[in-house]
């Protein structure tokens, strides 16, 4: 027969608190991991959109300079309203539209339809209102349509 010694044996009490704490830690860590993955994906999209927007700004400045170059090349004294703007695509997904309207004190007959306004002072005579619109509408590149509009008044 076996001898039972109740004095040495300590009764075991199982506590479920450790299991609850382990589950809580796992849930908290999973939540933090899910948030970090979500923010990483959003940061990548925002970085791409910001890059495309900054490129649009730079392209609008270049398009304004291009319009000034074309006005200097095409316009002459007898026909000052030759260049009216154009549209083109840059890098396959930037749509650039240039529109030019002219400001004179007395418009020549060849400027019909290209006049913006008539001014009274000779200091304002010979100006051009240049509107440049750069847009990215390709949804495979940007998460939302990007459009930048630049209006400037240039002295001829």
C-alpha atoms as a PDB file:
ATOM      1  CA  UNK A   1       0.000   0.000   0.000  1.00  0.00           C
ATOM      2  CA  UNK A   2       1.035   3.501  -0.729  1.00  0.00           C
ATOM      3  CA  UNK A   3       1.537   6.014   1.933  1.00  0.00           C
ATOM      4  CA  UNK A   4      -0.092   9.401   1.411  1.00  0.00           C
ATOM      5  CA  UNK A   5       1.585  12.375   2.890  1.00  0.00           C
ATOM      6  CA  UNK A   6      -0.702  15.393   2.838  1.00  0.00           C
ATOM      7  CA  UNK A   7       1.754  17.555   4.692  1.00  0.00           C
ATOM      8  CA  UNK A   8       4.311  17.717   1.854  1.00  0.00           C
ATOM      9  CA  UNK A   9       1.830  17.930  -0.971  1.00  0.00           C
ATOM     10  CA  UNK A  10       0.726  21.486  -1.761  1.00  0.00           C
ATOM     11  CA  UNK A  11      -2.688  21.685  -3.319  1.00  0.00           C
ATOM     12  CA  UNK A  12      -2.387  23.198  -6.877  1.00  0.00           C
ATOM     13  CA  UNK A  13      -4.616  26.078  -7.817  1.00  0.00           C
ATOM     14  CA  UNK A  14      -4.708  26.803 -11.534  1.00  0.00           C
ATOM     15  CA  UNK A  15      -5.126  30.459 -12.331  1.00  0.00           C
ATOM     16  CA  UNK A  16      -6.599  31.560 -15.746  1.00  0.00           C
ATOM     17  CA  UNK A  17      -5.197  35.087 -15.458  1.00  0.00           C
ATOM     18  CA  UNK A  18      -2.003  34.263 -17.369  1.00  0.00           C
ATOM     19  CA  UNK A  19      -4.014  32.998 -20.344  1.00  0.00           C
ATOM     20  CA  UNK A  20      -6.153  36.152 -20.379  1.00  0.00           C
ATOM     21  CA  UNK A  21      -3.013  38.345 -20.274  1.00  0.00           C
ATOM     22  CA  UNK A  22      -1.411  36.410 -23.151  1.00  0.00           C
ATOM     23  CA  UNK A  23      -4.528  36.776 -25.316  1.00  0.00           C
ATOM     24  CA  UNK A  24      -4.688  40.506 -24.510  1.00  0.00           C
ATOM     25  CA  UNK A  25      -1.047  41.023 -25.523  1.00  0.00           C
ATOM     26  CA  UNK A  26      -1.596  39.143 -28.796  1.00  0.00           C
ATOM     27  CA  UNK A  27      -4.680  41.237 -29.624  1.00  0.00           C
ATOM     28  CA  UNK A  28      -2.846  44.513 -28.870  1.00  0.00           C
ATOM     29  CA  UNK A  29       0.170  43.502 -30.966  1.00  0.00           C
ATOM     30  CA  UNK A  30      -2.082  42.436 -33.883  1.00  0.00           C
ATOM     31  CA  UNK A  31      -3.892  45.787 -33.762  1.00  0.00           C
ATOM     32  CA  UNK A  32      -0.626  47.744 -33.804  1.00  0.00           C
ATOM     33  CA  UNK A  33       0.673  45.632 -36.699  1.00  0.00           C
ATOM     34  CA  UNK A  34      -2.533  46.149 -38.711  1.00  0.00           C
ATOM     35  CA  UNK A  35      -2.349  49.925 -38.173  1.00  0.00           C
ATOM     36  CA  UNK A  36       1.294  50.078 -39.227  1.00  0.00           C
ATOM     37  CA  UNK A  37       0.594  48.115 -42.433  1.00  0.00           C
ATOM     38  CA  UNK A  38      -2.356  50.381 -43.201  1.00  0.00           C
ATOM     39  CA  UNK A  39      -0.282  53.542 -42.667  1.00  0.00           C
ATOM     40  CA  UNK A  40       2.539  52.175 -44.799  1.00  0.00           C
ATOM     41  CA  UNK A  41       0.163  51.622 -47.719  1.00  0.00           C
ATOM     42  CA  UNK A  42      -1.345  55.106 -47.351  1.00  0.00           C
ATOM     43  CA  UNK A  43       2.086  56.717 -47.123  1.00  0.00           C
ATOM     44  CA  UNK A  44       3.112  55.118 -50.401  1.00  0.00           C
ATOM     45  CA  UNK A  45      -0.011  56.404 -52.159  1.00  0.00           C
ATOM     46  CA  UNK A  46       0.417  59.888 -50.733  1.00  0.00           C
ATOM     47  CA  UNK A  47       4.063  59.989 -51.753  1.00  0.00           C
ATOM     48  CA  UNK A  48       3.153  59.084 -55.327  1.00  0.00           C
ATOM     49  CA  UNK A  49       0.379  61.693 -55.449  1.00  0.00           C
ATOM     50  CA  UNK A  50       2.662  64.364 -54.002  1.00  0.00           C
ATOM     51  CA  UNK A  51       5.359  63.531 -56.549  1.00  0.00           C
ATOM     52  CA  UNK A  52       2.876  63.794 -59.426  1.00  0.00           C
ATOM     53  CA  UNK A  53       1.517  67.087 -58.065  1.00  0.00           C
ATOM     54  CA  UNK A  54       5.007  68.599 -57.770  1.00  0.00           C
ATOM     55  CA  UNK A  55       5.792  67.428 -61.307  1.00  0.00           C
ATOM     56  CA  UNK A  56       2.587  69.138 -62.470  1.00  0.00           C
ATOM     57  CA  UNK A  57       3.714  72.416 -60.916  1.00  0.00           C
ATOM     58  CA  UNK A  58       7.096  72.217 -62.623  1.00  0.00           C
ATOM     59  CA  UNK A  59       5.503  71.301 -65.953  1.00  0.00           C
ATOM     60  CA  UNK A  60       3.150  74.292 -65.706  1.00  0.00           C
ATOM     61  CA  UNK A  61       6.124  76.632 -65.227  1.00  0.00           C
ATOM     62  CA  UNK A  62       7.864  75.062 -68.211  1.00  0.00           C
ATOM     63  CA  UNK A  63       4.710  75.322 -70.317  1.00  0.00           C
ATOM     64  CA  UNK A  64       4.435  79.040 -69.466  1.00  0.00           C
ATOM     65  CA  UNK A  65       8.022  79.575 -70.602  1.00  0.00           C
ATOM     66  CA  UNK A  66       7.289  77.585 -73.750  1.00  0.00           C
ATOM     67  CA  UNK A  67       4.278  79.792 -74.469  1.00  0.00           C
ATOM     68  CA  UNK A  68       6.457  82.895 -74.076  1.00  0.00           C
ATOM     69  CA  UNK A  69       9.001  81.414 -76.468  1.00  0.00           C
ATOM     70  CA  UNK A  70       6.329  80.648 -79.055  1.00  0.00           C
ATOM     71  CA  UNK A  71       4.831  84.150 -78.688  1.00  0.00           C
ATOM     72  CA  UNK A  72       8.287  85.603 -79.282  1.00  0.00           C
ATOM     73  CA  UNK A  73       8.837  83.431 -82.352  1.00  0.00           C
ATOM     74  CA  UNK A  74       5.393  83.516 -83.976  1.00  0.00           C
ATOM     75  CA  UNK A  75       3.975  86.925 -83.153  1.00  0.00           C
ATOM     76  CA  UNK A  76       5.079  89.936 -85.187  1.00  0.00           C
ATOM     77  CA  UNK A  77       4.120  93.597 -85.460  1.00  0.00           C
ATOM     78  CA  UNK A  78       1.619  93.146 -88.290  1.00  0.00           C
ATOM     79  CA  UNK A  79       0.017  90.030 -86.756  1.00  0.00           C
ATOM     80  CA  UNK A  80       0.605  90.111 -82.981  1.00  0.00           C
ATOM     81  CA  UNK A  81      -1.929  87.418 -82.032  1.00  0.00           C
ATOM     82  CA  UNK A  82      -0.560  84.447 -83.958  1.00  0.00           C
ATOM     83  CA  UNK A  83       0.076  82.070 -81.067  1.00  0.00           C
ATOM     84  CA  UNK A  84      -3.110  81.080 -79.225  1.00  0.00           C
ATOM     85  CA  UNK A  85      -1.883  78.042 -77.320  1.00  0.00           C
ATOM     86  CA  UNK A  86      -1.806  74.302 -77.805  1.00  0.00           C
ATOM     87  CA  UNK A  87      -2.258  70.969 -76.069  1.00  0.00           C
ATOM     88  CA  UNK A  88       0.108  68.062 -75.728  1.00  0.00           C
ATOM     89  CA  UNK A  89       0.834  64.993 -73.630  1.00  0.00           C
ATOM     90  CA  UNK A  90       4.066  64.667 -71.656  1.00  0.00           C
ATOM     91  CA  UNK A  91       5.445  61.273 -70.535  1.00  0.00           C
ATOM     92  CA  UNK A  92       2.243  59.540 -71.554  1.00  0.00           C
ATOM     93  CA  UNK A  93       0.051  60.692 -68.659  1.00  0.00           C
ATOM     94  CA  UNK A  94       0.461  64.479 -68.162  1.00  0.00           C
ATOM     95  CA  UNK A  95      -2.106  66.390 -70.239  1.00  0.00           C
ATOM     96  CA  UNK A  96      -0.921  69.980 -70.744  1.00  0.00           C
ATOM     97  CA  UNK A  97      -3.229  72.657 -72.184  1.00  0.00           C
ATOM     98  CA  UNK A  98      -1.991  76.190 -72.932  1.00  0.00           C
ATOM     99  CA  UNK A  99      -4.389  79.027 -73.697  1.00  0.00           C
ATOM    100  CA  UNK A 100      -3.237  82.568 -74.524  1.00  0.00           C
ATOM    101  CA  UNK A 101      -5.396  85.702 -74.583  1.00  0.00           C
ATOM    102  CA  UNK A 102      -4.033  89.138 -75.409  1.00  0.00           C
ATOM    103  CA  UNK A 103      -4.371  92.590 -73.835  1.00  0.00           C
ATOM    104  CA  UNK A 104      -3.928  95.705 -75.999  1.00  0.00           C
ATOM    105  CA  UNK A 105      -5.117  99.301 -76.079  1.00  0.00           C
ATOM    106  CA  UNK A 106      -6.190  99.001 -79.740  1.00  0.00           C
ATOM    107  CA  UNK A 107      -6.536  95.492 -81.070  1.00  0.00           C
ATOM    108  CA  UNK A 108      -5.417  94.844 -84.640  1.00  0.00           C
ATOM    109  CA  UNK A 109      -7.996  93.307 -86.977  1.00  0.00           C
ATOM    110  CA  UNK A 110      -6.088  90.004 -86.948  1.00  0.00           C
ATOM    111  CA  UNK A 111      -6.676  89.536 -83.197  1.00  0.00           C
ATOM    112  CA  UNK A 112     -10.402  88.888 -83.457  1.00  0.00           C
ATOM    113  CA  UNK A 113     -11.359  86.233 -80.916  1.00  0.00           C
ATOM    114  CA  UNK A 114      -8.016  86.324 -79.119  1.00  0.00           C
ATOM    115  CA  UNK A 115      -8.594  89.435 -77.045  1.00  0.00           C
ATOM    116  CA  UNK A 116      -9.023  89.283 -73.311  1.00  0.00           C
ATOM    117  CA  UNK A 117      -9.644  92.926 -72.570  1.00  0.00           C
ATOM    118  CA  UNK A 118      -8.895  96.408 -73.795  1.00  0.00           C
ATOM    119  CA  UNK A 119      -6.813  98.636 -71.540  1.00  0.00           C
ATOM    120  CA  UNK A 120      -6.469 102.407 -71.503  1.00  0.00           C
ATOM    121  CA  UNK A 121      -2.883 103.046 -70.409  1.00  0.00           C
ATOM    122  CA  UNK A 122       0.111 102.466 -72.677  1.00  0.00           C
ATOM    123  CA  UNK A 123       1.986 100.780 -69.801  1.00  0.00           C
ATOM    124  CA  UNK A 124      -0.450  97.885 -69.894  1.00  0.00           C
ATOM    125  CA  UNK A 125      -0.454  97.614 -73.679  1.00  0.00           C
ATOM    126  CA  UNK A 126       1.011  94.426 -75.110  1.00  0.00           C
ATOM    127  CA  UNK A 127       0.371  91.849 -72.406  1.00  0.00           C
ATOM    128  CA  UNK A 128      -0.751  88.264 -72.596  1.00  0.00           C
ATOM    129  CA  UNK A 129      -2.849  86.233 -70.194  1.00  0.00           C
ATOM    130  CA  UNK A 130      -1.424  82.701 -70.211  1.00  0.00           C
ATOM    131  CA  UNK A 131      -3.519  79.888 -68.732  1.00  0.00           C
ATOM    132  CA  UNK A 132      -1.804  76.533 -68.258  1.00  0.00           C
ATOM    133  CA  UNK A 133      -3.617  73.423 -67.062  1.00  0.00           C
ATOM    134  CA  UNK A 134      -1.710  70.256 -66.213  1.00  0.00           C
ATOM    135  CA  UNK A 135      -3.721  67.191 -65.313  1.00  0.00           C
ATOM    136  CA  UNK A 136      -3.114  63.536 -64.527  1.00  0.00           C
ATOM    137  CA  UNK A 137      -6.251  61.481 -65.034  1.00  0.00           C
ATOM    138  CA  UNK A 138      -4.720  58.009 -65.181  1.00  0.00           C
ATOM    139  CA  UNK A 139      -6.125  56.156 -62.163  1.00  0.00           C
ATOM    140  CA  UNK A 140      -3.540  53.384 -62.440  1.00  0.00           C
ATOM    141  CA  UNK A 141      -0.820  55.876 -61.443  1.00  0.00           C
ATOM    142  CA  UNK A 142      -2.559  58.282 -59.072  1.00  0.00           C
ATOM    143  CA  UNK A 143      -5.173  57.398 -56.485  1.00  0.00           C
ATOM    144  CA  UNK A 144      -7.188  60.495 -57.385  1.00  0.00           C
ATOM    145  CA  UNK A 145      -7.201  62.855 -60.395  1.00  0.00           C
ATOM    146  CA  UNK A 146      -4.523  65.530 -60.103  1.00  0.00           C
ATOM    147  CA  UNK A 147      -5.087  68.905 -61.760  1.00  0.00           C
ATOM    148  CA  UNK A 148      -2.950  72.033 -61.476  1.00  0.00           C
ATOM    149  CA  UNK A 149      -3.975  75.370 -62.992  1.00  0.00           C
ATOM    150  CA  UNK A 150      -1.608  78.302 -63.418  1.00  0.00           C
ATOM    151  CA  UNK A 151      -2.592  81.743 -64.683  1.00  0.00           C
ATOM    152  CA  UNK A 152      -0.001  84.411 -65.337  1.00  0.00           C
ATOM    153  CA  UNK A 153       0.158  87.770 -67.039  1.00  0.00           C
ATOM    154  CA  UNK A 154       3.209  88.159 -69.221  1.00  0.00           C
ATOM    155  CA  UNK A 155       4.463  91.357 -70.802  1.00  0.00           C
ATOM    156  CA  UNK A 156       5.199  91.053 -74.507  1.00  0.00           C
END
